[in-house]
Amino acid sequence: MLLMHMYPLTAILAVHCGLSSPTCPAGENCFAAPEHLRWSLLQSSAKQTAGRATSNLEAGHDMQKPGILRYFSDALHPAPKTVVPQSNDTSLCEADAEAAEQTFCPSSCPYAAEMSNEFCHFRCVQSNQCGLLGTVENATIPDDNVMACRHCKVEACAKCVAAAPGQVGEKLEHCVKCMPGYTLSEEGECEMNGISVFIAIGVVGAIAAVGIIWWYAMICSKPCVNPEGVEYGLQGRHRMKLSQPGCGEPYPLTTNLLTTNVAGPATMAFFRYEAAILVWAIVLLLVWLGFAFFVSMDLLTLGTRIASTPQLLCAVVAWGRKRQMELVWTKVSWLAFAYVFSFLGAIAYGIQQTKMIATVNDKDATMTSFALKLEGLPKFNGKDPVEEKITTAVKKATGINPVGVSVAWNYEAHADEIEEAIDAELEEKITAAVKKATGINPVGVSVAWNYEAHADEIEHAIDAELEEKITAAVKKATGINPVGVSVAWNYEAHADEIESLVWCMIATRTQPGLSMPSPTRCSMPGTCTCMRGMGTVRIV
């Protein structure tokens, strides 16, 4: 919860229908709060006395919190110091109350204890009544810091034991098992036993620091034995630095990289992207802060309030839920603005980036100034010196001699034709080579590509091609673009043939003289007819 009126923490007024006969110390100004305000008070002071000025209270209004304008008003005209009156109504010790309506317990029963059968209900009890009268049984420790009954809590304790309900004394809680790294003392406390580790780390760190300093001093004290090499290296590093055109001096640190071309348009585009991200984030943050300042500062604290006791937690949750529903329109408005601003900003960003790159390429010498793309070229034969022909044509037409020409062939549209042509050319050359070497003219030559070494790649490529064709066919037939296609091969219907083929392949590799027929003839499951010379062999 947030105190929106900037009252000093020692100046919060408590009003509750259950408070009666308040008392005020002499000389203090005890005035009543307006009737249209209802406060939720949760004490966290060390002790309470009648008429004591409150120094640590959490309060929540039912009214809507004002924005920054009220802050300036309160800063100029601070509210007078008020005192929280303490009730003398002992009936508060006999009934429970909801946390949202909580106030200070009277001195006769100053501790707030959580009820065990009602959610977020508390009762004012005495120190020896913690865990009794229907309150939570294991919350038996009266804590003077929060003026509430709490559970057993010992630092670094894994298993804590609290006193029985109603038990009084100085030692109401002790630990029976500490967390790893701690040792249980005779008083029931946990003491850390790893101090030596931190001391060792500090010593090692100090030694390492001394060693580094000594090493650096030794390096600096060594004589320079190669001044020419050092100077040459420094000159090379200087030449690598970006320098201003004309003077050769480095660019100053104040150079605006959004508008100055120091290393090409890509560098400018990168820094403009970072600037756009910063502007986008700052604008959204300022709009959100504007809602907080001019509507309610509760937007900055919802969900962040600290609850040190169950009583405080209940009040914080109740207040937070109420304020969230009251201010939900601000979040919706901010999200709508963020969406529209991001959409229009992205369009504007893309336009200015495109214009910047076109302007820089036209004004300065960039990569596009050293390359030229030619389209609409006529068809060329693969045997023709295409690069030389294009170089000659460009030189003749423009008078400029190109440094080099790179041809991009239209391969995808004619992949099958090209592969067939390559196979035909290879078979022709192999036939000629065999005839020349042996004098025998082969009837035919078949090129066997190295499939086994690239089996996975080829299978993936086949699957990808099939999936692409199936996707295109489905889209053409139905108008729907499938998210994905998975090819399931029909193995079961041809399992016997595949197994016979595998056996035949094994036989051809293990028995000399056997070769695979083309096509393979499998007469029955588990058998295959293979070739031996001019005859056939049946493999079972």
Protein backbone atom coordinates (compact mmCIF):
# COMPACT_ATOMS: atom_id res chain seq x y z
CA MET A 1 0.00 0.00 0.00
CA LEU A 2 1.15 3.53 -0.68
CA LEU A 3 0.38 6.64 1.34
CA MET A 4 -0.66 8.99 -1.43
CA HIS A 5 -0.95 12.15 0.66
CA MET A 6 2.72 12.28 1.63
CA TYR A 7 1.80 12.54 5.29
CA PRO A 8 4.82 11.93 7.51
CA LEU A 9 4.91 8.40 8.83
CA THR A 10 4.61 9.83 12.30
CA ALA A 11 1.39 11.58 11.33
CA ILE A 12 -1.15 8.93 10.36
CA LEU A 13 -4.55 9.02 11.99
CA ALA A 14 -6.41 5.83 12.89
CA VAL A 15 -10.19 5.77 12.81
CA HIS A 16 -12.20 2.68 13.60
CA CYS A 17 -15.69 2.17 14.84
CA GLY A 18 -14.40 -0.08 17.63
CA LEU A 19 -12.12 2.59 19.18
CA SER A 20 -13.53 4.46 22.14
CA SER A 21 -12.33 6.76 24.88
CA PRO A 22 -9.06 7.71 23.21
CA THR A 23 -6.38 9.28 25.31
CA CYS A 24 -3.81 11.86 24.21
CA PRO A 25 -0.65 12.97 25.97
CA ALA A 26 -0.53 16.53 27.12
CA GLY A 27 0.45 19.05 24.49
CA GLU A 28 -0.38 16.85 21.47
CA ASN A 29 -2.95 17.73 18.83
CA CYS A 30 -5.34 14.75 18.66
CA PHE A 31 -7.92 15.52 16.02
CA ALA A 32 -10.38 13.13 14.43
CA ALA A 33 -10.08 12.06 10.81
CA PRO A 34 -12.85 12.91 8.31
CA GLU A 35 -15.76 10.52 8.41
CA HIS A 36 -15.56 9.70 4.68
CA LEU A 37 -12.13 8.07 5.13
CA ARG A 38 -11.67 4.52 6.42
CA TRP A 39 -8.15 3.51 7.38
CA SER A 40 -6.57 0.06 7.56
CA LEU A 41 -3.86 0.15 10.21
CA LEU A 42 -1.24 -2.56 10.64
CA GLN A 43 1.19 -1.97 13.45
CA SER A 44 4.90 -2.72 13.16
CA SER A 45 6.25 -0.53 15.95
CA ALA A 46 8.14 -2.01 18.86
CA LYS A 47 5.56 -1.23 21.56
CA GLN A 48 2.28 0.61 21.79
CA THR A 49 1.28 3.05 24.43
CA ALA A 50 -1.83 5.16 24.63
CA GLY A 51 -1.42 8.34 22.66
CA ARG A 52 2.05 7.39 21.33
CA ALA A 53 2.97 8.97 17.98
CA THR A 54 3.00 6.21 15.35
CA SER A 55 6.28 5.87 13.49
CA ASN A 56 5.75 2.82 11.28
CA LEU A 57 2.20 2.28 10.06
CA GLU A 58 0.78 1.02 6.82
CA ALA A 59 -2.54 2.61 5.92
CA GLY A 60 -4.88 2.24 2.96
CA HIS A 61 -7.66 4.57 1.78
CA ASP A 62 -10.96 3.52 0.31
CA MET A 63 -10.91 6.74 -1.67
CA GLN A 64 -8.91 6.99 -4.92
CA LYS A 65 -5.34 8.19 -4.48
CA PRO A 66 -4.49 11.50 -6.17
CA GLY A 67 -1.65 12.02 -8.59
CA ILE A 68 1.39 14.24 -8.66
CA LEU A 69 -0.57 17.48 -8.37
CA ARG A 70 -1.64 16.54 -4.85
CA TYR A 71 1.99 15.75 -4.00
CA PHE A 72 3.02 19.33 -4.75
CA SER A 73 0.12 20.60 -2.65
CA ASP A 74 1.08 18.41 0.29
CA ALA A 75 4.73 19.41 -0.02
CA LEU A 76 3.80 23.10 0.21
CA HIS A 77 1.21 22.60 2.96
CA PRO A 78 2.23 19.56 5.05
CA ALA A 79 -0.37 18.03 7.31
CA PRO A 80 0.00 18.56 11.07
CA LYS A 81 1.43 15.79 13.20
CA THR A 82 -1.22 13.44 14.47
CA VAL A 83 -1.30 10.80 17.14
CA VAL A 84 -2.85 7.36 16.95
CA PRO A 85 -5.16 7.00 19.93
CA GLN A 86 -5.22 3.61 21.62
CA SER A 87 -8.47 1.95 22.50
CA ASN A 88 -9.54 1.21 26.06
CA ASP A 89 -12.37 -1.00 24.79
CA THR A 90 -11.60 -4.43 26.23
CA SER A 91 -14.31 -6.01 24.07
CA LEU A 92 -11.71 -6.13 21.27
CA CYS A 93 -10.01 -8.88 23.27
CA GLU A 94 -13.10 -11.08 23.10
CA ALA A 95 -13.84 -11.22 19.35
CA ASP A 96 -11.88 -11.54 16.13
CA ALA A 97 -11.78 -8.90 13.39
CA GLU A 98 -11.04 -8.92 9.69
CA ALA A 99 -7.58 -7.71 8.70
CA ALA A 100 -8.96 -4.98 6.43
CA GLU A 101 -10.64 -3.42 9.50
CA GLN A 102 -7.70 -3.94 11.86
CA THR A 103 -6.57 -1.33 14.34
CA PHE A 104 -4.24 -1.24 17.32
CA CYS A 105 -5.04 -3.78 19.98
CA PRO A 106 -5.62 -2.33 23.44
CA SER A 107 -2.90 -2.57 26.06
CA SER A 108 -4.74 -5.32 27.89
CA CYS A 109 -4.31 -7.65 24.86
CA PRO A 110 -1.70 -6.02 22.61
CA TYR A 111 -0.79 -8.95 20.32
CA ALA A 112 -2.64 -9.77 17.06
CA ALA A 113 -3.12 -13.54 16.59
CA GLU A 114 -4.38 -15.19 13.41
CA MET A 115 -7.58 -17.23 13.74
CA SER A 116 -7.27 -20.88 12.74
CA ASN A 117 -10.79 -21.35 11.35
CA GLU A 118 -11.34 -18.05 9.51
CA PHE A 119 -9.21 -16.73 6.68
CA CYS A 120 -7.63 -13.31 7.30
CA HIS A 121 -9.29 -12.88 10.70
CA PHE A 122 -7.27 -11.92 13.76
CA ARG A 123 -7.86 -11.55 17.50
CA CYS A 124 -6.21 -9.38 20.13
CA VAL A 125 -4.64 -11.55 22.82
CA GLN A 126 -2.17 -11.37 25.70
CA SER A 127 1.34 -12.77 25.44
CA ASN A 128 0.41 -15.99 27.22
CA GLN A 129 -2.63 -16.51 24.96
CA CYS A 130 -0.75 -16.93 21.64
CA GLY A 131 -1.90 -20.24 20.14
CA LEU A 132 -5.02 -20.37 22.33
CA LEU A 133 -8.61 -19.06 22.06
CA GLY A 134 -9.04 -20.48 18.55
CA THR A 135 -5.91 -18.91 17.08
CA VAL A 136 -3.28 -20.79 15.06
CA GLU A 137 -1.84 -23.37 17.43
CA ASN A 138 1.81 -23.28 16.31
CA ALA A 139 1.99 -19.45 16.29
CA THR A 140 2.90 -19.27 19.98
CA ILE A 141 5.67 -16.65 19.98
CA PRO A 142 4.57 -13.11 21.06
CA ASP A 143 6.77 -10.80 18.96
CA ASP A 144 7.20 -7.30 20.36
CA ASN A 145 8.63 -6.02 17.05
CA VAL A 146 5.42 -6.58 15.08
CA MET A 147 3.05 -6.92 18.06
CA ALA A 148 1.72 -10.20 16.75
CA CYS A 149 1.86 -13.92 17.51
CA ARG A 150 4.23 -15.64 15.09
CA HIS A 151 5.71 -19.06 14.32
CA CYS A 152 9.07 -20.30 15.53
CA LYS A 153 11.87 -18.55 13.65
CA VAL A 154 15.57 -19.07 14.34
CA GLU A 155 18.14 -17.85 11.83
CA ALA A 156 19.64 -20.61 9.61
CA CYS A 157 17.49 -23.23 11.33
CA ALA A 158 16.16 -26.20 9.34
CA LYS A 159 13.91 -27.55 12.15
CA CYS A 160 12.64 -25.14 14.79
CA VAL A 161 10.64 -25.97 17.93
CA ALA A 162 8.37 -23.37 19.57
CA ALA A 163 7.03 -23.29 23.09
CA ALA A 164 3.63 -24.78 23.90
CA PRO A 165 0.59 -22.48 23.70
CA GLY A 166 0.30 -20.38 26.84
CA GLN A 167 3.87 -21.01 27.96
CA VAL A 168 5.74 -17.97 29.26
CA GLY A 169 9.42 -17.31 29.70
CA GLU A 170 12.42 -15.85 27.92
CA LYS A 171 13.28 -18.85 25.74
CA LEU A 172 10.15 -19.63 23.73
CA GLU A 173 11.88 -20.97 20.62
CA HIS A 174 15.00 -23.00 19.88
CA CYS A 175 16.50 -24.90 16.98
CA VAL A 176 17.03 -28.66 16.92
CA LYS A 177 18.59 -28.94 13.43
CA CYS A 178 20.56 -26.30 11.53
CA MET A 179 20.98 -25.83 7.80
CA PRO A 180 24.13 -27.13 6.05
CA GLY A 181 27.13 -24.96 6.88
CA TYR A 182 25.90 -24.12 10.39
CA THR A 183 26.47 -25.70 13.80
CA LEU A 184 23.90 -25.97 16.60
CA SER A 185 24.98 -24.22 19.79
CA GLU A 186 24.00 -25.08 23.36
CA GLU A 187 21.57 -22.14 23.42
CA GLY A 188 19.63 -23.58 20.46
CA GLU A 189 21.07 -21.07 17.95
CA CYS A 190 22.82 -21.76 14.62
CA GLU A 191 26.37 -20.53 14.13
CA MET A 192 28.14 -20.43 10.77
CA ASN A 193 31.16 -22.75 10.54
CA GLY A 194 32.54 -21.61 7.18
CA ILE A 195 34.40 -18.49 8.28
CA SER A 196 37.74 -20.15 7.51
CA VAL A 197 36.69 -20.65 3.87
CA PHE A 198 36.07 -16.92 3.39
CA ILE A 199 39.35 -16.12 5.12
CA ALA A 200 41.20 -18.50 2.80
CA ILE A 201 39.51 -16.94 -0.25
CA GLY A 202 40.58 -13.50 0.92
CA VAL A 203 44.18 -14.59 1.46
CA VAL A 204 44.39 -16.28 -1.94
CA GLY A 205 42.87 -13.22 -3.59
CA ALA A 206 45.37 -10.91 -1.90
CA ILE A 207 48.30 -13.10 -2.99
CA ALA A 208 47.00 -13.21 -6.56
CA ALA A 209 46.60 -9.41 -6.61
CA VAL A 210 50.17 -8.93 -5.38
CA GLY A 211 51.43 -11.37 -8.01
CA ILE A 212 49.63 -9.56 -10.82
CA ILE A 213 50.95 -6.19 -9.69
CA TRP A 214 54.47 -7.59 -9.50
CA TRP A 215 54.15 -9.16 -12.98
CA TYR A 216 52.89 -5.88 -14.46
CA ALA A 217 55.73 -3.95 -12.84
CA MET A 218 58.24 -6.40 -14.28
CA ILE A 219 56.76 -6.03 -17.76
CA CYS A 220 56.88 -2.23 -17.55
CA SER A 221 60.50 -2.26 -16.36
CA LYS A 222 61.79 -4.35 -19.27
CA PRO A 223 63.84 -2.45 -21.89
CA CYS A 224 62.49 -1.93 -25.40
CA VAL A 225 64.56 -4.18 -27.70
CA ASN A 226 62.63 -3.64 -30.97
CA PRO A 227 61.60 0.02 -31.30
CA GLU A 228 61.34 -0.22 -35.10
CA GLY A 229 58.90 -3.12 -34.90
CA VAL A 230 56.82 -1.36 -32.27
CA GLU A 231 56.65 1.78 -34.38
CA TYR A 232 55.69 -0.21 -37.47
CA GLY A 233 52.91 -1.95 -35.52
CA LEU A 234 51.60 1.36 -34.19
CA GLN A 235 51.54 2.81 -37.68
CA GLY A 236 49.63 -0.21 -38.96
CA ARG A 237 47.11 0.12 -36.16
CA HIS A 238 46.72 3.83 -36.95
CA ARG A 239 46.05 3.04 -40.61
CA MET A 240 43.32 0.61 -39.57
CA LYS A 241 41.45 3.33 -37.72
CA LEU A 242 38.54 5.05 -39.40
CA SER A 243 39.67 8.50 -40.46
CA GLN A 244 37.93 11.59 -41.79
CA PRO A 245 38.08 12.07 -45.56
CA GLY A 246 40.67 14.61 -46.65
CA CYS A 247 42.55 15.22 -43.40
CA GLY A 248 43.14 11.61 -42.34
CA GLU A 249 42.44 12.40 -38.68
CA PRO A 250 40.30 10.05 -36.56
CA TYR A 251 36.68 10.95 -36.00
CA PRO A 252 36.06 12.73 -32.67
CA LEU A 253 34.10 10.96 -29.93
CA THR A 254 31.28 13.46 -30.42
CA THR A 255 30.58 12.18 -33.96
CA ASN A 256 26.90 11.49 -34.53
CA LEU A 257 26.85 7.97 -35.99
CA LEU A 258 23.17 8.32 -36.85
CA THR A 259 23.87 10.89 -39.55
CA THR A 260 27.62 10.60 -40.30
CA ASN A 261 28.84 7.88 -42.65
CA VAL A 262 32.04 6.61 -41.05
CA ALA A 263 31.98 2.94 -42.16
CA GLY A 264 29.18 2.49 -44.66
CA PRO A 265 25.38 2.61 -44.48
CA ALA A 266 25.18 -0.63 -42.49
CA THR A 267 26.91 1.06 -39.53
CA MET A 268 24.47 3.95 -39.67
CA ALA A 269 21.55 1.53 -39.92
CA PHE A 270 22.79 -0.38 -36.85
CA PHE A 271 23.08 2.71 -34.65
CA ARG A 272 19.74 4.01 -35.91
CA TYR A 273 18.21 0.70 -34.88
CA GLU A 274 19.64 1.08 -31.37
CA ALA A 275 18.37 4.67 -31.21
CA ALA A 276 14.90 3.55 -32.31
CA ILE A 277 14.81 0.88 -29.58
CA LEU A 278 15.81 3.47 -26.97
CA VAL A 279 13.20 5.98 -28.17
CA TRP A 280 10.52 3.28 -28.20
CA ALA A 281 11.31 2.15 -24.64
CA ILE A 282 11.62 5.69 -23.25
CA VAL A 283 8.31 6.82 -24.79
CA LEU A 284 6.44 3.81 -23.35
CA LEU A 285 8.07 4.38 -19.95
CA LEU A 286 7.18 8.08 -19.93
CA VAL A 287 3.56 7.33 -20.85
CA TRP A 288 3.33 4.81 -18.00
CA LEU A 289 4.90 7.30 -15.56
CA GLY A 290 2.41 9.89 -16.81
CA PHE A 291 -0.45 7.60 -15.85
CA ALA A 292 1.18 7.10 -12.45
CA PHE A 293 1.78 10.79 -11.77
CA PHE A 294 -1.54 12.18 -13.01
CA VAL A 295 -3.86 9.28 -12.11
CA SER A 296 -2.41 7.36 -9.15
CA MET A 297 1.02 6.48 -7.85
CA ASP A 298 -0.42 3.15 -6.74
CA LEU A 299 0.41 1.92 -10.27
CA LEU A 300 4.07 1.89 -9.25
CA THR A 301 3.57 -0.09 -6.03
CA LEU A 302 0.88 -2.65 -6.81
CA GLY A 303 2.32 -6.08 -6.11
CA THR A 304 5.50 -4.75 -4.45
CA ARG A 305 4.34 -4.08 -0.89
CA ILE A 306 6.21 -5.96 1.83
CA ALA A 307 4.14 -8.02 4.24
CA SER A 308 6.05 -8.99 7.38
CA THR A 309 3.09 -10.50 9.24
CA PRO A 310 0.00 -12.51 8.24
CA GLN A 311 -2.13 -9.55 9.29
CA LEU A 312 -0.22 -7.21 7.00
CA LEU A 313 -0.33 -9.73 4.15
CA CYS A 314 -4.12 -9.99 4.31
CA ALA A 315 -4.54 -6.23 4.32
CA VAL A 316 -2.06 -5.77 1.45
CA VAL A 317 -3.81 -8.40 -0.69
CA ALA A 318 -7.25 -6.92 -0.04
CA TRP A 319 -6.05 -3.41 -0.83
CA GLY A 320 -4.12 -4.53 -3.90
CA ARG A 321 -7.10 -6.37 -5.38
CA LYS A 322 -9.36 -3.36 -4.91
CA ARG A 323 -6.88 -0.87 -6.38
CA GLN A 324 -6.09 -3.17 -9.30
CA MET A 325 -9.74 -3.29 -10.34
CA GLU A 326 -10.06 0.47 -9.95
CA LEU A 327 -6.98 1.18 -12.10
CA VAL A 328 -7.30 -1.56 -14.71
CA TRP A 329 -8.44 1.00 -17.29
CA THR A 330 -5.01 2.66 -17.14
CA LYS A 331 -3.27 -0.62 -18.04
CA VAL A 332 -5.64 -1.24 -20.93
CA SER A 333 -5.13 2.31 -22.21
CA TRP A 334 -1.35 1.98 -21.96
CA LEU A 335 -1.38 -1.32 -23.85
CA ALA A 336 -3.54 0.18 -26.62
CA PHE A 337 -1.14 3.12 -26.95
CA ALA A 338 1.87 0.78 -26.94
CA TYR A 339 0.38 -1.31 -29.76
CA VAL A 340 -0.51 1.67 -31.98
CA PHE A 341 2.78 3.46 -31.26
CA SER A 342 4.84 0.34 -31.97
CA PHE A 343 3.00 -0.37 -35.23
CA LEU A 344 3.27 3.17 -36.62
CA GLY A 345 6.82 3.53 -35.30
CA ALA A 346 7.95 0.35 -37.08
CA ILE A 347 6.55 1.63 -40.38
CA ALA A 348 8.23 5.02 -39.95
CA TYR A 349 11.50 3.32 -38.97
CA GLY A 350 11.49 1.11 -42.07
CA ILE A 351 10.82 4.11 -44.34
CA GLN A 352 13.63 6.23 -42.93
CA GLN A 353 16.11 3.32 -43.00
CA THR A 354 15.36 2.66 -46.68
CA LYS A 355 15.72 6.35 -47.56
CA MET A 356 18.98 6.62 -45.62
CA ILE A 357 20.60 3.65 -47.39
CA ALA A 358 19.52 4.93 -50.82
CA THR A 359 20.86 8.41 -50.02
CA VAL A 360 24.23 7.16 -48.73
CA ASN A 361 24.73 4.80 -51.68
CA ASP A 362 23.99 7.66 -54.07
CA LYS A 363 26.17 10.22 -52.27
CA ASP A 364 29.18 8.25 -51.01
CA ALA A 365 31.39 5.48 -52.38
CA THR A 366 30.02 2.23 -50.94
CA MET A 367 30.14 -1.44 -51.94
CA THR A 368 27.39 -0.85 -54.49
CA SER A 369 29.71 1.64 -56.21
CA PHE A 370 32.11 -1.18 -57.16
CA ALA A 371 29.69 -3.83 -58.43
CA LEU A 372 27.11 -3.96 -61.22
CA LYS A 373 24.33 -6.47 -61.76
CA LEU A 374 23.35 -7.28 -65.35
CA GLU A 375 19.96 -8.91 -66.03
CA GLY A 376 18.21 -10.05 -69.18
CA LEU A 377 21.29 -11.67 -70.71
CA PRO A 378 20.80 -13.99 -73.71
CA LYS A 379 21.28 -17.76 -73.44
CA PHE A 380 24.86 -19.00 -73.53
CA ASN A 381 26.30 -22.38 -74.22
CA GLY A 382 28.27 -23.88 -71.37
CA LYS A 383 31.26 -24.34 -73.67
CA ASP A 384 31.39 -20.64 -74.53
CA PRO A 385 33.75 -18.29 -72.64
CA VAL A 386 30.82 -16.41 -71.10
CA GLU A 387 32.91 -14.29 -68.70
CA GLU A 388 35.16 -13.06 -71.53
CA LYS A 389 32.19 -12.23 -73.78
CA ILE A 390 30.46 -10.20 -71.04
CA THR A 391 33.71 -8.41 -70.14
CA THR A 392 34.23 -7.43 -73.77
CA ALA A 393 30.62 -6.27 -74.18
CA VAL A 394 30.72 -4.11 -71.03
CA LYS A 395 34.03 -2.55 -71.99
CA LYS A 396 32.74 -1.80 -75.47
CA ALA A 397 29.48 -0.26 -74.24
CA THR A 398 30.81 1.79 -71.29
CA GLY A 399 34.54 2.16 -71.86
CA ILE A 400 35.18 0.63 -68.39
CA ASN A 401 37.22 -2.54 -68.07
CA PRO A 402 35.59 -4.76 -65.36
CA VAL A 403 37.94 -6.27 -62.80
CA GLY A 404 36.03 -9.54 -62.97
CA VAL A 405 32.74 -11.12 -64.04
CA SER A 406 30.81 -13.80 -62.14
CA VAL A 407 28.03 -15.67 -63.95
CA ALA A 408 24.97 -16.89 -62.06
CA TRP A 409 23.57 -19.84 -64.03
CA ASN A 410 19.85 -20.60 -64.06
CA TYR A 411 20.32 -24.03 -62.51
CA GLU A 412 17.13 -24.69 -60.50
CA ALA A 413 14.76 -24.45 -63.45
CA HIS A 414 16.84 -26.97 -65.45
CA ALA A 415 18.33 -29.23 -62.75
CA ASP A 416 17.14 -32.50 -64.30
CA GLU A 417 18.39 -31.58 -67.77
CA ILE A 418 21.78 -30.57 -66.40
CA GLU A 419 22.18 -33.79 -64.41
CA GLU A 420 21.25 -35.89 -67.46
CA ALA A 421 23.74 -33.95 -69.58
CA ILE A 422 26.49 -34.50 -66.99
CA ASP A 423 25.76 -38.25 -66.88
CA ALA A 424 25.75 -38.46 -70.68
CA GLU A 425 29.03 -36.59 -70.93
CA LEU A 426 30.67 -38.80 -68.29
CA GLU A 427 29.44 -41.99 -69.96
CA GLU A 428 30.73 -40.78 -73.32
CA LYS A 429 34.18 -39.99 -71.92
CA ILE A 430 34.38 -43.30 -70.03
CA THR A 431 33.32 -45.26 -73.12
CA ALA A 432 36.01 -43.55 -75.16
CA ALA A 433 38.66 -44.17 -72.50
CA VAL A 434 37.78 -47.90 -72.18
CA LYS A 435 37.80 -48.37 -75.97
CA LYS A 436 41.15 -46.64 -76.26
CA ALA A 437 42.71 -48.65 -73.44
CA THR A 438 41.31 -52.13 -74.29
CA GLY A 439 40.19 -51.94 -77.92
CA ILE A 440 36.73 -53.14 -76.83
CA ASN A 441 33.71 -50.97 -77.48
CA PRO A 442 31.42 -51.21 -74.42
CA VAL A 443 27.73 -51.76 -75.16
CA GLY A 444 26.86 -49.23 -72.48
CA VAL A 445 28.24 -47.39 -69.47
CA SER A 446 26.29 -46.59 -66.31
CA VAL A 447 27.64 -44.06 -63.84
CA ALA A 448 27.40 -45.23 -60.21
CA TRP A 449 27.44 -42.24 -57.95
CA ASN A 450 28.93 -42.46 -54.44
CA TYR A 451 25.61 -42.99 -52.68
CA GLU A 452 26.64 -44.78 -49.49
CA ALA A 453 28.86 -41.97 -48.24
CA HIS A 454 26.03 -39.49 -48.71
CA ALA A 455 23.00 -41.72 -48.10
CA ASP A 456 21.52 -39.59 -45.32
CA GLU A 457 21.90 -36.37 -47.31
CA ILE A 458 20.31 -37.90 -50.41
CA GLU A 459 17.41 -39.38 -48.43
CA HIS A 460 16.77 -36.07 -46.71
CA ALA A 461 16.84 -34.30 -50.07
CA ILE A 462 14.36 -36.83 -51.55
CA ASP A 463 12.04 -36.42 -48.56
CA ALA A 464 12.27 -32.63 -48.77
CA GLU A 465 11.49 -32.65 -52.49
CA LEU A 466 8.50 -34.96 -51.99
CA GLU A 467 7.18 -32.88 -49.12
CA GLU A 468 7.55 -29.72 -51.20
CA LYS A 469 5.65 -31.24 -54.13
CA ILE A 470 2.90 -32.63 -51.87
CA THR A 471 2.55 -29.24 -50.16
CA ALA A 472 2.21 -27.48 -53.51
CA ALA A 473 -0.34 -30.04 -54.72
CA VAL A 474 -2.48 -29.72 -51.57
CA LYS A 475 -2.35 -25.95 -51.72
CA LYS A 476 -3.34 -25.96 -55.40
CA ALA A 477 -6.21 -28.40 -54.85
CA THR A 478 -7.66 -26.96 -51.63
CA GLY A 479 -6.33 -23.43 -51.33
CA ILE A 480 -4.96 -24.31 -47.89
CA ASN A 481 -1.24 -24.00 -47.17
CA PRO A 482 -0.22 -27.00 -44.98
CA VAL A 483 1.94 -26.16 -41.95
CA GLY A 484 4.02 -29.27 -42.63
CA VAL A 485 4.11 -32.56 -44.55
CA SER A 486 5.62 -35.82 -43.35
CA VAL A 487 6.26 -38.65 -45.85
CA ALA A 488 5.43 -42.17 -44.58
CA TRP A 489 6.97 -44.78 -46.89
CA ASN A 490 4.90 -47.93 -47.72
CA TYR A 491 7.35 -50.42 -46.24
CA GLU A 492 5.00 -53.13 -44.95
CA ALA A 493 3.45 -53.87 -48.36
CA HIS A 494 6.94 -54.46 -49.85
CA ALA A 495 8.78 -55.82 -46.83
CA ASP A 496 9.51 -59.22 -48.42
CA GLU A 497 10.92 -57.67 -51.58
CA ILE A 498 13.08 -55.27 -49.58
CA GLU A 499 14.43 -58.07 -47.37
CA SER A 500 15.20 -60.26 -50.41
CA LEU A 501 17.01 -57.36 -52.02
CA VAL A 502 19.06 -56.86 -48.85
CA TRP A 503 20.03 -60.58 -48.79
CA CYS A 504 21.07 -60.39 -52.40
CA MET A 505 23.20 -57.31 -51.73
CA ILE A 506 24.90 -59.13 -48.83
CA ALA A 507 25.56 -62.17 -51.03
CA THR A 508 27.12 -60.09 -53.79
CA ARG A 509 29.51 -58.59 -51.27
CA THR A 510 30.46 -61.84 -49.51
CA GLN A 511 30.62 -64.31 -52.48
CA PRO A 512 33.08 -63.56 -55.29
CA GLY A 513 31.72 -63.50 -58.78
CA LEU A 514 28.16 -62.50 -57.89
CA SER A 515 26.64 -59.24 -59.07
CA MET A 516 23.28 -57.51 -58.64
CA PRO A 517 20.95 -57.80 -61.65
CA SER A 518 19.17 -54.73 -62.94
CA PRO A 519 16.34 -54.90 -62.21
CA THR A 520 16.66 -57.38 -59.34
CA ARG A 521 14.41 -60.43 -59.71
CA CYS A 522 13.06 -61.83 -56.45
CA SER A 523 10.97 -64.95 -57.01
CA MET A 524 9.81 -65.57 -53.44
CA PRO A 525 10.31 -64.16 -49.93
CA GLY A 526 13.84 -64.73 -48.68
CA THR A 527 15.28 -65.54 -52.12
CA CYS A 528 16.78 -63.48 -54.89
CA THR A 529 18.22 -64.31 -58.31
CA CYS A 530 21.68 -62.86 -58.80
CA MET A 531 24.14 -63.03 -61.68
CA ARG A 532 27.39 -65.05 -61.92
CA GLY A 533 29.10 -64.29 -65.18
CA MET A 534 26.61 -65.04 -67.99
CA GLY A 535 24.43 -67.26 -65.75
CA THR A 536 22.25 -66.74 -62.69
CA VAL A 537 22.55 -67.92 -59.10
CA ARG A 538 19.62 -68.24 -56.70
CA ILE A 539 20.47 -66.90 -53.25
CA VAL A 540 18.39 -68.16 -50.27
